[in-house]
N, C-alpha and C. Protein backbone atom coordinates (compact mmCIF):
# COMPACT_ATOMS: atom_id res chain seq x y z
N MET A 1 -1.11 4.42 -15.06
CA MET A 1 -0.51 5.22 -14.58
C MET A 1 0.78 5.93 -15.53
N ALA A 2 0.93 6.24 -16.61
CA ALA A 2 1.60 6.95 -17.60
C ALA A 2 1.05 8.26 -17.16
N GLN A 3 -0.56 8.11 -17.48
CA GLN A 3 -1.59 9.33 -17.40
C GLN A 3 -1.10 10.50 -16.43
N GLU A 4 -1.36 9.28 -15.14
CA GLU A 4 -0.89 9.91 -13.61
C GLU A 4 0.18 10.32 -13.26
N MET A 5 1.19 9.83 -13.82
CA MET A 5 2.56 10.75 -13.71
C MET A 5 2.77 11.80 -14.81
N VAL A 6 1.80 11.91 -15.66
CA VAL A 6 2.02 12.57 -16.28
C VAL A 6 1.30 14.32 -15.83
N GLU A 7 0.27 13.87 -15.33
CA GLU A 7 -0.88 14.96 -14.99
C GLU A 7 -0.81 15.16 -13.75
N GLY A 8 -0.26 14.13 -12.60
CA GLY A 8 -0.02 14.68 -11.28
C GLY A 8 -1.04 14.09 -10.53
N GLU A 9 -1.73 13.68 -11.08
CA GLU A 9 -3.28 13.06 -10.02
C GLU A 9 -4.07 12.24 -10.83
N PRO A 10 -4.40 10.93 -10.17
CA PRO A 10 -5.35 9.70 -10.70
C PRO A 10 -6.35 10.41 -11.83
N PRO A 11 -6.67 9.19 -12.56
CA PRO A 11 -8.33 10.16 -13.49
C PRO A 11 -9.05 10.17 -12.54
N TYR A 12 -10.22 11.08 -13.05
CA TYR A 12 -11.58 11.27 -12.79
C TYR A 12 -11.46 11.65 -11.26
N MET A 13 -9.95 12.65 -10.83
CA MET A 13 -9.42 12.76 -9.04
C MET A 13 -11.23 13.62 -8.77
N GLU A 14 -11.53 14.32 -9.32
CA GLU A 14 -12.66 14.95 -9.11
C GLU A 14 -14.04 14.08 -8.42
N GLU A 15 -14.16 13.24 -8.91
CA GLU A 15 -15.00 11.70 -8.37
C GLU A 15 -14.57 11.07 -6.83
N SER A 16 -15.96 10.62 -6.55
CA SER A 16 -15.38 9.60 -5.28
C SER A 16 -14.37 8.32 -5.84
N ALA A 17 -14.01 8.22 -4.83
CA ALA A 17 -13.29 6.30 -5.40
C ALA A 17 -13.83 5.96 -5.93
N ILE A 18 -15.27 5.42 -5.62
CA ILE A 18 -15.93 4.20 -6.30
C ILE A 18 -16.80 4.77 -7.28
N LYS A 19 -17.09 5.86 -7.34
CA LYS A 19 -17.40 6.16 -8.92
C LYS A 19 -16.11 6.13 -9.89
N ALA A 20 -14.75 7.07 -9.27
CA ALA A 20 -13.94 6.91 -9.99
C ALA A 20 -13.43 5.51 -10.74
N LEU A 21 -13.96 4.31 -9.94
CA LEU A 21 -13.10 3.04 -10.32
C LEU A 21 -14.33 2.63 -11.33
N PHE A 22 -16.01 2.97 -11.25
CA PHE A 22 -16.62 2.50 -12.00
C PHE A 22 -16.63 3.36 -13.72
N LEU A 23 -16.10 4.61 -13.38
CA LEU A 23 -15.66 5.56 -14.83
C LEU A 23 -15.03 4.30 -15.55
N ILE A 24 -13.49 4.27 -15.05
CA ILE A 24 -12.54 3.67 -15.33
C ILE A 24 -13.02 2.39 -16.04
N ALA A 25 -13.87 1.26 -15.42
CA ALA A 25 -14.52 0.29 -15.55
C ALA A 25 -15.18 0.41 -16.74
N SER A 26 -16.13 1.23 -16.55
CA SER A 26 -16.90 1.20 -17.94
C SER A 26 -16.62 2.10 -18.93
N LYS A 27 -15.85 3.49 -18.86
CA LYS A 27 -15.19 4.20 -20.03
C LYS A 27 -14.12 4.28 -20.24
N GLY A 28 -13.14 3.29 -19.68
CA GLY A 28 -11.59 3.40 -19.94
C GLY A 28 -11.30 5.08 -18.96
N ARG A 29 -9.95 5.36 -19.28
CA ARG A 29 -9.04 6.25 -18.89
C ARG A 29 -10.23 7.83 -19.07
N SER A 30 -9.64 8.80 -18.17
CA SER A 30 -10.14 9.89 -18.65
C SER A 30 -9.68 10.61 -19.52
N PRO A 31 -10.17 11.55 -20.79
CA PRO A 31 -9.03 12.13 -21.29
C PRO A 31 -8.25 12.84 -20.97
N PHE A 32 -7.14 13.09 -22.10
CA PHE A 32 -5.82 13.88 -21.03
C PHE A 32 -6.72 15.35 -20.89
N LYS A 33 -6.01 15.98 -19.55
CA LYS A 33 -6.10 17.40 -19.37
C LYS A 33 -5.64 18.29 -20.38
N GLU A 34 -4.32 18.45 -20.69
CA GLU A 34 -4.19 18.98 -21.56
C GLU A 34 -3.12 18.28 -23.25
N PRO A 35 -3.56 18.09 -23.73
CA PRO A 35 -3.22 17.22 -24.74
C PRO A 35 -2.00 17.84 -25.51
N HIS A 36 -2.40 18.96 -25.87
CA HIS A 36 -1.54 19.95 -26.42
C HIS A 36 0.08 19.89 -26.04
N LYS A 37 0.01 19.73 -24.83
CA LYS A 37 1.32 19.66 -24.10
C LYS A 37 2.18 18.21 -24.67
N LEU A 38 1.47 17.19 -24.68
CA LEU A 38 1.82 16.01 -24.86
C LEU A 38 2.35 15.49 -26.29
N SER A 39 3.21 14.85 -26.65
CA SER A 39 3.77 14.07 -28.01
C SER A 39 3.05 13.30 -28.22
N ASN A 40 2.50 13.46 -29.62
CA ASN A 40 1.76 12.13 -30.14
C ASN A 40 2.22 11.34 -30.07
N LEU A 41 3.36 10.74 -29.86
CA LEU A 41 3.66 9.54 -29.75
C LEU A 41 4.05 9.10 -28.18
N PHE A 42 3.67 9.62 -27.30
CA PHE A 42 3.11 9.55 -25.56
C PHE A 42 1.37 9.33 -25.85
N LYS A 43 1.25 10.20 -26.53
CA LYS A 43 -0.41 9.74 -26.51
C LYS A 43 -0.57 8.72 -27.27
N ASP A 44 -0.14 8.55 -28.47
CA ASP A 44 -0.55 6.85 -29.25
C ASP A 44 0.08 5.98 -28.09
N PHE A 45 0.82 5.81 -27.18
CA PHE A 45 1.50 4.10 -26.58
C PHE A 45 0.38 4.72 -25.49
N VAL A 46 -0.28 5.60 -24.83
CA VAL A 46 -1.10 5.20 -23.61
C VAL A 46 -2.70 5.16 -24.56
N ASN A 47 -2.61 5.81 -25.38
CA ASN A 47 -3.82 5.11 -26.04
C ASN A 47 -3.90 3.63 -26.71
N GLN A 48 -2.98 3.25 -26.70
CA GLN A 48 -2.93 1.79 -27.23
C GLN A 48 -2.85 0.68 -26.20
N CYS A 49 -2.06 1.54 -24.75
CA CYS A 49 -1.96 0.45 -23.62
C CYS A 49 -3.41 0.35 -22.68
N THR A 50 -4.22 1.37 -23.09
CA THR A 50 -5.59 1.46 -22.36
C THR A 50 -6.45 1.45 -23.05
N ARG A 51 -6.40 0.70 -23.80
CA ARG A 51 -7.47 -0.15 -24.86
C ARG A 51 -8.68 -1.14 -23.72
N MET A 52 -9.99 -0.56 -23.84
CA MET A 52 -10.55 -1.50 -23.07
C MET A 52 -10.78 -2.65 -23.29
N ASP A 53 -10.54 -3.22 -25.07
CA ASP A 53 -10.57 -4.86 -24.75
C ASP A 53 -9.12 -5.24 -24.98
N PRO A 54 -8.88 -5.68 -23.89
CA PRO A 54 -7.53 -6.70 -23.85
C PRO A 54 -7.17 -7.05 -25.31
N ASP A 55 -8.12 -7.57 -25.53
CA ASP A 55 -7.38 -8.63 -27.11
C ASP A 55 -6.86 -7.59 -28.32
N GLN A 56 -7.58 -6.19 -27.76
CA GLN A 56 -6.82 -4.67 -28.76
C GLN A 56 -6.03 -4.46 -28.68
N ARG A 57 -5.36 -4.57 -27.54
CA ARG A 57 -4.15 -4.03 -26.68
C ARG A 57 -2.58 -4.65 -27.66
N PRO A 58 -1.94 -4.55 -27.83
CA PRO A 58 -0.95 -4.61 -28.63
C PRO A 58 0.23 -5.35 -27.88
N SER A 59 0.79 -6.29 -28.37
CA SER A 59 1.94 -6.79 -27.52
C SER A 59 3.23 -5.89 -27.30
N SER A 60 4.09 -6.29 -26.67
CA SER A 60 5.44 -5.32 -26.54
C SER A 60 5.93 -5.37 -27.62
N SER A 61 6.27 -6.23 -28.22
CA SER A 61 6.75 -6.33 -29.80
C SER A 61 6.06 -5.28 -30.43
N GLU A 62 4.55 -5.59 -30.43
CA GLU A 62 3.88 -4.49 -31.49
C GLU A 62 4.25 -3.07 -30.90
N LEU A 63 4.07 -2.58 -29.68
CA LEU A 63 4.50 -1.49 -29.02
C LEU A 63 6.00 -0.97 -29.65
N LEU A 64 6.97 -1.94 -29.30
CA LEU A 64 8.53 -1.18 -29.94
C LEU A 64 7.78 -0.77 -31.10
N GLN A 65 7.38 -1.33 -31.85
CA GLN A 65 7.14 -0.75 -33.39
C GLN A 65 6.34 0.32 -33.32
N VAL A 66 5.45 1.10 -32.61
CA VAL A 66 4.68 1.88 -32.37
C VAL A 66 5.91 3.13 -32.06
N LEU A 67 6.71 2.72 -31.13
CA LEU A 67 8.32 3.74 -30.35
C LEU A 67 9.06 3.50 -31.38
N GLY A 68 8.88 3.04 -32.46
CA GLY A 68 10.10 3.19 -33.44
C GLY A 68 11.49 1.92 -33.05
N ALA A 69 11.67 1.55 -33.75
CA ALA A 69 12.24 0.20 -33.68
C ALA A 69 14.09 0.79 -33.38
N GLY A 70 14.24 -0.43 -32.92
CA GLY A 70 16.14 0.32 -32.14
C GLY A 70 15.82 0.18 -30.69
N ALA A 71 17.23 0.18 -30.20
CA ALA A 71 17.75 0.38 -29.12
C ALA A 71 17.44 1.85 -28.45
N CYS A 72 16.88 3.03 -28.95
CA CYS A 72 16.01 3.93 -28.32
C CYS A 72 14.78 3.53 -27.78
N ALA A 73 14.13 3.39 -28.87
CA ALA A 73 12.60 2.50 -28.67
C ALA A 73 12.29 1.53 -27.09
N ARG A 74 13.31 0.64 -27.04
CA ARG A 74 13.76 -0.14 -26.26
C ARG A 74 13.53 0.55 -24.71
N SER A 75 14.65 1.28 -24.77
CA SER A 75 15.26 2.22 -23.67
C SER A 75 13.97 3.03 -23.23
N TYR A 76 13.32 3.69 -24.13
CA TYR A 76 12.30 4.42 -23.73
C TYR A 76 11.02 3.44 -22.61
N LEU A 77 10.89 2.30 -23.67
CA LEU A 77 10.22 1.41 -22.85
C LEU A 77 10.50 0.91 -21.55
N LEU A 78 11.56 0.85 -21.72
CA LEU A 78 11.96 0.67 -20.22
C LEU A 78 12.00 1.53 -19.21
N ALA A 79 12.58 2.42 -19.46
CA ALA A 79 12.18 3.66 -18.66
C ALA A 79 10.90 3.92 -18.29
N CYS A 80 9.80 4.06 -18.97
CA CYS A 80 8.71 4.17 -18.71
C CYS A 80 8.03 2.64 -17.77
N LEU A 81 8.42 1.51 -18.11
CA LEU A 81 8.17 0.69 -17.16
C LEU A 81 8.91 0.95 -15.92
N LEU A 82 10.29 1.19 -15.74
CA LEU A 82 10.71 1.38 -14.77
C LEU A 82 10.18 2.41 -13.56
N ALA A 83 9.77 3.56 -14.31
CA ALA A 83 9.13 4.42 -13.62
C ALA A 83 7.62 4.36 -13.17
N CYS A 84 7.01 3.65 -13.69
CA CYS A 84 5.56 2.68 -13.23
C CYS A 84 5.92 2.05 -12.05
N LEU A 85 7.10 1.03 -11.99
CA LEU A 85 7.36 0.12 -11.01
C LEU A 85 7.96 0.95 -10.03
N LEU A 86 8.43 1.95 -10.04
CA LEU A 86 9.10 3.05 -8.55
C LEU A 86 7.55 3.59 -8.16
N VAL A 87 6.96 4.31 -8.61
CA VAL A 87 5.71 4.98 -8.47
C VAL A 87 5.04 3.89 -7.77
N SER A 88 4.60 3.00 -8.28
CA SER A 88 3.84 1.79 -7.72
C SER A 88 4.34 1.37 -6.21
N CYS A 89 5.85 1.78 -5.92
CA CYS A 89 6.08 1.12 -4.24
C CYS A 89 5.77 1.70 -3.49
């Protein structure tokens, strides 16, 4: 969802809906279209959250460490989660 929010369209938009679902399930998310415009922190955060193997995905505590400890990191994570919830409605 974070990638879709940044890029303005869902992954594999150029494909049919069925093929896009298959690609996401088999290959994972599509690469960022313009990675040079994104911070390394954002790219790392999305990459860790979208690992194909659920056992390899970090916990929320580990994600806070990726963002950097402290109130700023918690606020950033909360803002991301709220944005995802608002877009989903």
